[in-house]
Amino acid sequence: MLIVMLSLLIFCLARVSDGSDASKRIESDSFRPSLWKPGWVDQDNNRIADSLDQEIAARSSNHTAQEYTNVAVMIKSEPTVYDADAFVSSGGYLATSPWTHAIYGFGGRISYNGIGVFANQCPDVLLVEKEAICQSSLAYAATQVGARTYVWSTLGLQGDQNSSVAIIDTGIDASHPDFSPGFGDQNFSKKIIGWNDQVGTTTSPYDDNGHGS
């Protein structure tokens, strides 16, 4: 009972903390995530990813469905304490604060046999997926987070010539069209004007991790 109350208290505090300047700024800009799920992800429409459904069935057969797994819960609208309560009352433990910016939902840990209980108990659930390491494509990220077209076109925020951005990452492909006209060391007519390889000894940008950009 104490764990349940603490989990809900943390969730509530996280919701209160959404009153930060960043959240107010997002609200004033009127951006809201638009969520949907492809039909092939949940063909039986029970709000549990089919791949997770298969694992639940397998674990029920070998009597290991009582074991716990990490899940990502997508909610149809901004998550509420009711959604968290439904998750906790189904035997789950909240692992994150509520997600309210790019998507709606939260992360948690729950037994395999508790996932169906939660999905049935909480009508706000859009999809429950098993936590997994994924590879994303930046070609779509700008649209997903509302940068294109809302931030760039509607708000007109496209940066300016007096601003610079430093990127710390595993690599960058200077030949990508988005970085045209490419790289030039301290050449301010280029899009990429500096490069520092902290792992190897290359003097120009390269992409050795499959970023594509």
C-alpha atoms as a PDB file:
ATOM      1  CA  MET A   1       0.000   0.000   0.000  1.00  0.00           C
ATOM      2  CA  LEU A   2       2.884   2.351   0.838  1.00  0.00           C
ATOM      3  CA  ILE A   3       4.516   1.649  -2.533  1.00  0.00           C
ATOM      4  CA  VAL A   4       1.248   2.394  -4.318  1.00  0.00           C
ATOM      5  CA  MET A   5       0.823   5.713  -2.500  1.00  0.00           C
ATOM      6  CA  LEU A   6       4.448   6.723  -3.130  1.00  0.00           C
ATOM      7  CA  SER A   7       4.158   5.898  -6.824  1.00  0.00           C
ATOM      8  CA  LEU A   8       1.024   8.004  -7.187  1.00  0.00           C
ATOM      9  CA  LEU A   9       2.582  10.834  -5.156  1.00  0.00           C
ATOM     10  CA  ILE A  10       5.614  10.899  -7.465  1.00  0.00           C
ATOM     11  CA  PHE A  11       3.282  10.936 -10.482  1.00  0.00           C
ATOM     12  CA  CYS A  12       1.265  13.803  -9.014  1.00  0.00           C
ATOM     13  CA  LEU A  13       4.401  15.788  -8.197  1.00  0.00           C
ATOM     14  CA  ALA A  14       5.635  15.251 -11.724  1.00  0.00           C
ATOM     15  CA  ARG A  15       2.337  16.603 -13.036  1.00  0.00           C
ATOM     16  CA  VAL A  16       2.722  19.650 -10.786  1.00  0.00           C
ATOM     17  CA  SER A  17       6.273  20.160 -12.030  1.00  0.00           C
ATOM     18  CA  ASP A  18       4.864  20.420 -15.555  1.00  0.00           C
ATOM     19  CA  GLY A  19       4.000  23.970 -14.584  1.00  0.00           C
ATOM     20  CA  SER A  20       7.604  24.885 -15.391  1.00  0.00           C
ATOM     21  CA  ASP A  21       8.447  27.672 -17.818  1.00  0.00           C
ATOM     22  CA  ALA A  22       9.158  25.108 -20.542  1.00  0.00           C
ATOM     23  CA  SER A  23       5.707  23.565 -20.184  1.00  0.00           C
ATOM     24  CA  LYS A  24       4.039  26.965 -20.099  1.00  0.00           C
ATOM     25  CA  ARG A  25       5.883  27.897 -23.248  1.00  0.00           C
ATOM     26  CA  ILE A  26       4.656  24.758 -25.020  1.00  0.00           C
ATOM     27  CA  GLU A  27       1.108  25.370 -23.837  1.00  0.00           C
ATOM     28  CA  SER A  28       1.194  28.963 -25.027  1.00  0.00           C
ATOM     29  CA  ASP A  29       2.312  27.765 -28.440  1.00  0.00           C
ATOM     30  CA  SER A  30      -0.743  25.460 -28.522  1.00  0.00           C
ATOM     31  CA  PHE A  31       1.247  22.419 -29.670  1.00  0.00           C
ATOM     32  CA  ARG A  32      -0.279  19.085 -28.694  1.00  0.00           C
ATOM     33  CA  PRO A  33       1.022  15.635 -29.643  1.00  0.00           C
ATOM     34  CA  SER A  34      -1.133  13.742 -32.121  1.00  0.00           C
ATOM     35  CA  LEU A  35      -0.961  10.014 -31.382  1.00  0.00           C
ATOM     36  CA  TRP A  36      -2.013   7.034 -33.469  1.00  0.00           C
ATOM     37  CA  LYS A  37      -0.947   3.431 -33.866  1.00  0.00           C
ATOM     38  CA  PRO A  38      -0.427   1.532 -37.139  1.00  0.00           C
ATOM     39  CA  GLY A  39      -2.939  -1.276 -37.583  1.00  0.00           C
ATOM     40  CA  TRP A  40      -0.228  -3.908 -37.957  1.00  0.00           C
ATOM     41  CA  VAL A  41       1.129  -3.211 -34.459  1.00  0.00           C
ATOM     42  CA  ASP A  42      -2.080  -4.273 -32.701  1.00  0.00           C
ATOM     43  CA  GLN A  43      -4.156  -6.274 -35.162  1.00  0.00           C
ATOM     44  CA  ASP A  44      -6.582  -7.599 -32.563  1.00  0.00           C
ATOM     45  CA  ASN A  45      -6.998  -4.054 -31.193  1.00  0.00           C
ATOM     46  CA  ASN A  46      -6.660  -5.104 -27.555  1.00  0.00           C
ATOM     47  CA  ARG A  47      -4.275  -2.168 -26.981  1.00  0.00           C
ATOM     48  CA  ILE A  48      -1.315  -4.475 -26.411  1.00  0.00           C
ATOM     49  CA  ALA A  49       1.342  -4.751 -29.107  1.00  0.00           C
ATOM     50  CA  ASP A  50       0.977  -8.099 -30.891  1.00  0.00           C
ATOM     51  CA  SER A  51       4.632  -8.980 -30.254  1.00  0.00           C
ATOM     52  CA  LEU A  52       4.041  -8.490 -26.529  1.00  0.00           C
ATOM     53  CA  ASP A  53       0.788 -10.471 -26.762  1.00  0.00           C
ATOM     54  CA  GLN A  54       2.771 -13.415 -28.137  1.00  0.00           C
ATOM     55  CA  GLU A  55       5.285 -13.214 -25.314  1.00  0.00           C
ATOM     56  CA  ILE A  56       2.504 -13.050 -22.716  1.00  0.00           C
ATOM     57  CA  ALA A  57       0.907 -16.174 -24.234  1.00  0.00           C
ATOM     58  CA  ALA A  58       4.234 -18.019 -24.236  1.00  0.00           C
ATOM     59  CA  ARG A  59       4.913 -17.104 -20.622  1.00  0.00           C
ATOM     60  CA  SER A  60       1.408 -18.150 -19.594  1.00  0.00           C
ATOM     61  CA  SER A  61       2.114 -21.547 -21.150  1.00  0.00           C
ATOM     62  CA  ASN A  62       5.396 -22.037 -19.308  1.00  0.00           C
ATOM     63  CA  HIS A  63       4.095 -20.529 -16.047  1.00  0.00           C
ATOM     64  CA  THR A  64       6.433 -17.489 -16.001  1.00  0.00           C
ATOM     65  CA  ALA A  65       3.791 -14.800 -16.576  1.00  0.00           C
ATOM     66  CA  GLN A  66       4.246 -13.588 -13.012  1.00  0.00           C
ATOM     67  CA  GLU A  67       7.672 -12.191 -13.914  1.00  0.00           C
ATOM     68  CA  TYR A  68       8.049  -8.467 -14.506  1.00  0.00           C
ATOM     69  CA  THR A  69       9.074  -6.533 -17.617  1.00  0.00           C
ATOM     70  CA  ASN A  70       9.603  -2.892 -18.545  1.00  0.00           C
ATOM     71  CA  VAL A  71       6.885  -1.368 -20.725  1.00  0.00           C
ATOM     72  CA  ALA A  72       6.106   1.890 -22.475  1.00  0.00           C
ATOM     73  CA  VAL A  73       2.479   2.977 -22.168  1.00  0.00           C
ATOM     74  CA  MET A  74       1.017   5.337 -24.766  1.00  0.00           C
ATOM     75  CA  ILE A  75      -2.097   7.212 -23.658  1.00  0.00           C
ATOM     76  CA  LYS A  76      -4.732   8.734 -25.968  1.00  0.00           C
ATOM     77  CA  SER A  77      -4.570  12.102 -24.226  1.00  0.00           C
ATOM     78  CA  GLU A  78      -2.510  13.765 -21.514  1.00  0.00           C
ATOM     79  CA  PRO A  79      -1.941  11.167 -18.741  1.00  0.00           C
ATOM     80  CA  THR A  80      -3.842  11.578 -15.500  1.00  0.00           C
ATOM     81  CA  VAL A  81      -3.548  10.224 -11.973  1.00  0.00           C
ATOM     82  CA  TYR A  82      -6.362   7.821 -12.898  1.00  0.00           C
ATOM     83  CA  ASP A  83      -4.140   6.261 -15.574  1.00  0.00           C
ATOM     84  CA  ALA A  84      -1.293   5.882 -13.093  1.00  0.00           C
ATOM     85  CA  ASP A  85      -3.627   4.444 -10.477  1.00  0.00           C
ATOM     86  CA  ALA A  86      -4.909   1.851 -12.962  1.00  0.00           C
ATOM     87  CA  PHE A  87      -1.329   0.821 -13.737  1.00  0.00           C
ATOM     88  CA  VAL A  88      -0.332   0.571 -10.075  1.00  0.00           C
ATOM     89  CA  SER A  89      -3.518  -1.282  -9.073  1.00  0.00           C
ATOM     90  CA  SER A  90      -2.713  -3.825 -11.808  1.00  0.00           C
ATOM     91  CA  GLY A  91       0.545  -4.620 -10.046  1.00  0.00           C
ATOM     92  CA  GLY A  92       2.732  -2.154 -11.905  1.00  0.00           C
ATOM     93  CA  TYR A  93       5.391   0.288 -10.737  1.00  0.00           C
ATOM     94  CA  LEU A  94       5.822   3.695 -12.350  1.00  0.00           C
ATOM     95  CA  ALA A  95       9.357   4.192 -13.659  1.00  0.00           C
ATOM     96  CA  THR A  96       9.076   7.649 -15.237  1.00  0.00           C
ATOM     97  CA  SER A  97       7.267  10.915 -14.831  1.00  0.00           C
ATOM     98  CA  PRO A  98       4.327  11.405 -17.222  1.00  0.00           C
ATOM     99  CA  TRP A  99       5.238  12.095 -20.849  1.00  0.00           C
ATOM    100  CA  THR A 100       3.379  15.186 -22.059  1.00  0.00           C
ATOM    101  CA  HIS A 101       5.509  16.881 -24.706  1.00  0.00           C
ATOM    102  CA  ALA A 102       6.375  14.712 -27.723  1.00  0.00           C
ATOM    103  CA  ILE A 103       3.985  11.883 -26.780  1.00  0.00           C
ATOM    104  CA  TYR A 104       1.447  11.120 -24.051  1.00  0.00           C
ATOM    105  CA  GLY A 105       2.138   8.248 -21.681  1.00  0.00           C
ATOM    106  CA  PHE A 106       4.645   6.929 -19.172  1.00  0.00           C
ATOM    107  CA  GLY A 107       7.082   4.116 -18.566  1.00  0.00           C
ATOM    108  CA  GLY A 108       6.767   1.435 -15.944  1.00  0.00           C
ATOM    109  CA  ARG A 109       7.416  -2.105 -14.799  1.00  0.00           C
ATOM    110  CA  ILE A 110       4.625  -4.662 -14.594  1.00  0.00           C
ATOM    111  CA  SER A 111       4.130  -8.428 -14.619  1.00  0.00           C
ATOM    112  CA  TYR A 112       3.222 -10.078 -17.905  1.00  0.00           C
ATOM    113  CA  ASN A 113      -0.095 -11.254 -16.506  1.00  0.00           C
ATOM    114  CA  GLY A 114      -0.838  -7.747 -15.227  1.00  0.00           C
ATOM    115  CA  ILE A 115      -0.534  -6.093 -18.649  1.00  0.00           C
ATOM    116  CA  GLY A 116      -3.900  -7.324 -19.905  1.00  0.00           C
ATOM    117  CA  VAL A 117      -5.533  -6.394 -16.601  1.00  0.00           C
ATOM    118  CA  PHE A 118      -4.219  -2.854 -16.945  1.00  0.00           C
ATOM    119  CA  ALA A 119      -5.249  -2.495 -20.619  1.00  0.00           C
ATOM    120  CA  ASN A 120      -8.794  -3.645 -19.779  1.00  0.00           C
ATOM    121  CA  GLN A 121      -9.022  -1.459 -16.715  1.00  0.00           C
ATOM    122  CA  CYS A 122      -7.791   1.760 -18.325  1.00  0.00           C
ATOM    123  CA  PRO A 123      -9.791   2.912 -21.391  1.00  0.00           C
ATOM    124  CA  ASP A 124      -7.331   5.762 -21.999  1.00  0.00           C
ATOM    125  CA  VAL A 125      -4.623   3.327 -23.115  1.00  0.00           C
ATOM    126  CA  LEU A 126      -3.672   3.570 -26.780  1.00  0.00           C
ATOM    127  CA  LEU A 127      -0.915   0.947 -26.756  1.00  0.00           C
ATOM    128  CA  VAL A 128       1.295  -0.979 -24.338  1.00  0.00           C
ATOM    129  CA  GLU A 129       4.653  -2.027 -25.755  1.00  0.00           C
ATOM    130  CA  LYS A 130       7.604  -3.816 -24.248  1.00  0.00           C
ATOM    131  CA  GLU A 131      10.516  -1.491 -23.665  1.00  0.00           C
ATOM    132  CA  ALA A 132      13.089  -1.930 -26.406  1.00  0.00           C
ATOM    133  CA  ILE A 133      16.136  -0.272 -27.914  1.00  0.00           C
ATOM    134  CA  CYS A 134      15.025   1.293 -31.187  1.00  0.00           C
ATOM    135  CA  GLN A 135      16.676   2.991 -34.103  1.00  0.00           C
ATOM    136  CA  SER A 136      14.991   6.198 -35.187  1.00  0.00           C
ATOM    137  CA  SER A 137      15.227   8.190 -38.381  1.00  0.00           C
ATOM    138  CA  LEU A 138      15.809  11.917 -38.175  1.00  0.00           C
ATOM    139  CA  ALA A 139      14.077  12.260 -41.513  1.00  0.00           C
ATOM    140  CA  TYR A 140      10.796  11.989 -39.581  1.00  0.00           C
ATOM    141  CA  ALA A 141      11.810  13.342 -36.159  1.00  0.00           C
ATOM    142  CA  ALA A 142      11.263  16.978 -37.122  1.00  0.00           C
ATOM    143  CA  THR A 143       7.665  16.236 -38.073  1.00  0.00           C
ATOM    144  CA  GLN A 144       6.999  14.058 -35.017  1.00  0.00           C
ATOM    145  CA  VAL A 145       8.074  16.712 -32.501  1.00  0.00           C
ATOM    146  CA  GLY A 146       6.273  19.497 -34.356  1.00  0.00           C
ATOM    147  CA  ALA A 147       9.379  21.268 -35.668  1.00  0.00           C
ATOM    148  CA  ARG A 148       8.137  20.869 -39.219  1.00  0.00           C
ATOM    149  CA  THR A 149       5.930  22.622 -40.006  1.00  0.00           C
ATOM    150  CA  TYR A 150       4.694  24.214 -36.766  1.00  0.00           C
ATOM    151  CA  VAL A 151       7.940  25.599 -35.291  1.00  0.00           C
ATOM    152  CA  TRP A 152       9.622  26.403 -38.590  1.00  0.00           C
ATOM    153  CA  SER A 153       6.658  27.653 -40.595  1.00  0.00           C
ATOM    154  CA  THR A 154       3.872  28.715 -38.203  1.00  0.00           C
ATOM    155  CA  LEU A 155       6.142  30.245 -35.547  1.00  0.00           C
ATOM    156  CA  GLY A 156       8.822  31.223 -38.055  1.00  0.00           C
ATOM    157  CA  LEU A 157      11.645  30.028 -35.788  1.00  0.00           C
ATOM    158  CA  GLN A 158      14.418  29.025 -38.173  1.00  0.00           C
ATOM    159  CA  GLY A 159      17.516  30.291 -36.398  1.00  0.00           C
ATOM    160  CA  ASP A 160      19.660  33.176 -37.545  1.00  0.00           C
ATOM    161  CA  GLN A 161      23.067  33.797 -39.080  1.00  0.00           C
ATOM    162  CA  ASN A 162      24.552  34.888 -35.742  1.00  0.00           C
ATOM    163  CA  SER A 163      23.820  31.605 -33.949  1.00  0.00           C
ATOM    164  CA  SER A 164      25.906  28.438 -33.906  1.00  0.00           C
ATOM    165  CA  VAL A 165      25.104  24.917 -32.734  1.00  0.00           C
ATOM    166  CA  ALA A 166      27.626  22.400 -31.367  1.00  0.00           C
ATOM    167  CA  ILE A 167      26.651  18.741 -31.841  1.00  0.00           C
ATOM    168  CA  ILE A 168      28.166  16.049 -29.608  1.00  0.00           C
ATOM    169  CA  ASP A 169      27.500  12.689 -31.210  1.00  0.00           C
ATOM    170  CA  THR A 170      29.151   9.598 -32.683  1.00  0.00           C
ATOM    171  CA  GLY A 171      29.406  11.084 -36.155  1.00  0.00           C
ATOM    172  CA  ILE A 172      27.950  13.272 -38.869  1.00  0.00           C
ATOM    173  CA  ASP A 173      27.706  12.912 -42.634  1.00  0.00           C
ATOM    174  CA  ALA A 174      28.809  16.253 -44.045  1.00  0.00           C
ATOM    175  CA  SER A 175      27.633  15.240 -47.528  1.00  0.00           C
ATOM    176  CA  HIS A 176      24.011  15.003 -46.391  1.00  0.00           C
ATOM    177  CA  PRO A 177      21.779  17.480 -48.296  1.00  0.00           C
ATOM    178  CA  ASP A 178      20.637  19.078 -45.025  1.00  0.00           C
ATOM    179  CA  PHE A 179      24.246  20.194 -44.402  1.00  0.00           C
ATOM    180  CA  SER A 180      24.864  21.642 -47.850  1.00  0.00           C
ATOM    181  CA  PRO A 181      27.297  23.201 -48.718  1.00  0.00           C
ATOM    182  CA  GLY A 182      29.089  20.822 -46.361  1.00  0.00           C
ATOM    183  CA  PHE A 183      32.201  21.164 -44.224  1.00  0.00           C
ATOM    184  CA  GLY A 184      34.958  23.751 -44.174  1.00  0.00           C
ATOM    185  CA  ASP A 185      37.284  24.230 -41.205  1.00  0.00           C
ATOM    186  CA  GLN A 186      36.481  27.718 -39.866  1.00  0.00           C
ATOM    187  CA  ASN A 187      34.912  28.502 -43.216  1.00  0.00           C
ATOM    188  CA  PHE A 188      31.770  30.403 -42.311  1.00  0.00           C
ATOM    189  CA  SER A 189      30.327  30.053 -45.792  1.00  0.00           C
ATOM    190  CA  LYS A 190      29.814  26.348 -45.002  1.00  0.00           C
ATOM    191  CA  LYS A 191      27.098  24.731 -42.878  1.00  0.00           C
ATOM    192  CA  ILE A 192      29.627  22.749 -40.753  1.00  0.00           C
ATOM    193  CA  ILE A 193      32.524  24.969 -39.718  1.00  0.00           C
ATOM    194  CA  GLY A 194      34.334  22.807 -37.163  1.00  0.00           C
ATOM    195  CA  TRP A 195      35.110  19.181 -36.343  1.00  0.00           C
ATOM    196  CA  ASN A 196      36.847  17.510 -33.406  1.00  0.00           C
ATOM    197  CA  ASP A 197      37.324  13.734 -33.337  1.00  0.00           C
ATOM    198  CA  GLN A 198      37.773  12.671 -29.708  1.00  0.00           C
ATOM    199  CA  VAL A 199      38.053   8.962 -30.572  1.00  0.00           C
ATOM    200  CA  GLY A 200      40.014   8.764 -33.822  1.00  0.00           C
ATOM    201  CA  THR A 201      42.355  11.070 -35.688  1.00  0.00           C
ATOM    202  CA  THR A 202      40.233  12.208 -38.634  1.00  0.00           C
ATOM    203  CA  THR A 203      40.336  15.869 -39.547  1.00  0.00           C
ATOM    204  CA  SER A 204      37.014  16.009 -41.378  1.00  0.00           C
ATOM    205  CA  PRO A 205      33.487  14.833 -40.436  1.00  0.00           C
ATOM    206  CA  TYR A 206      32.462  11.232 -40.987  1.00  0.00           C
ATOM    207  CA  ASP A 207      29.578   8.982 -39.994  1.00  0.00           C
ATOM    208  CA  ASP A 208      30.635   5.538 -38.712  1.00  0.00           C
ATOM    209  CA  ASN A 209      27.454   4.712 -36.837  1.00  0.00           C
ATOM    210  CA  GLY A 210      24.786   4.746 -39.532  1.00  0.00           C
ATOM    211  CA  HIS A 211      23.178   8.078 -38.641  1.00  0.00           C
ATOM    212  CA  GLY A 212      22.686   9.071 -42.255  1.00  0.00           C
ATOM    213  CA  SER A 213      23.022  12.719 -41.300  1.00  0.00           C
END
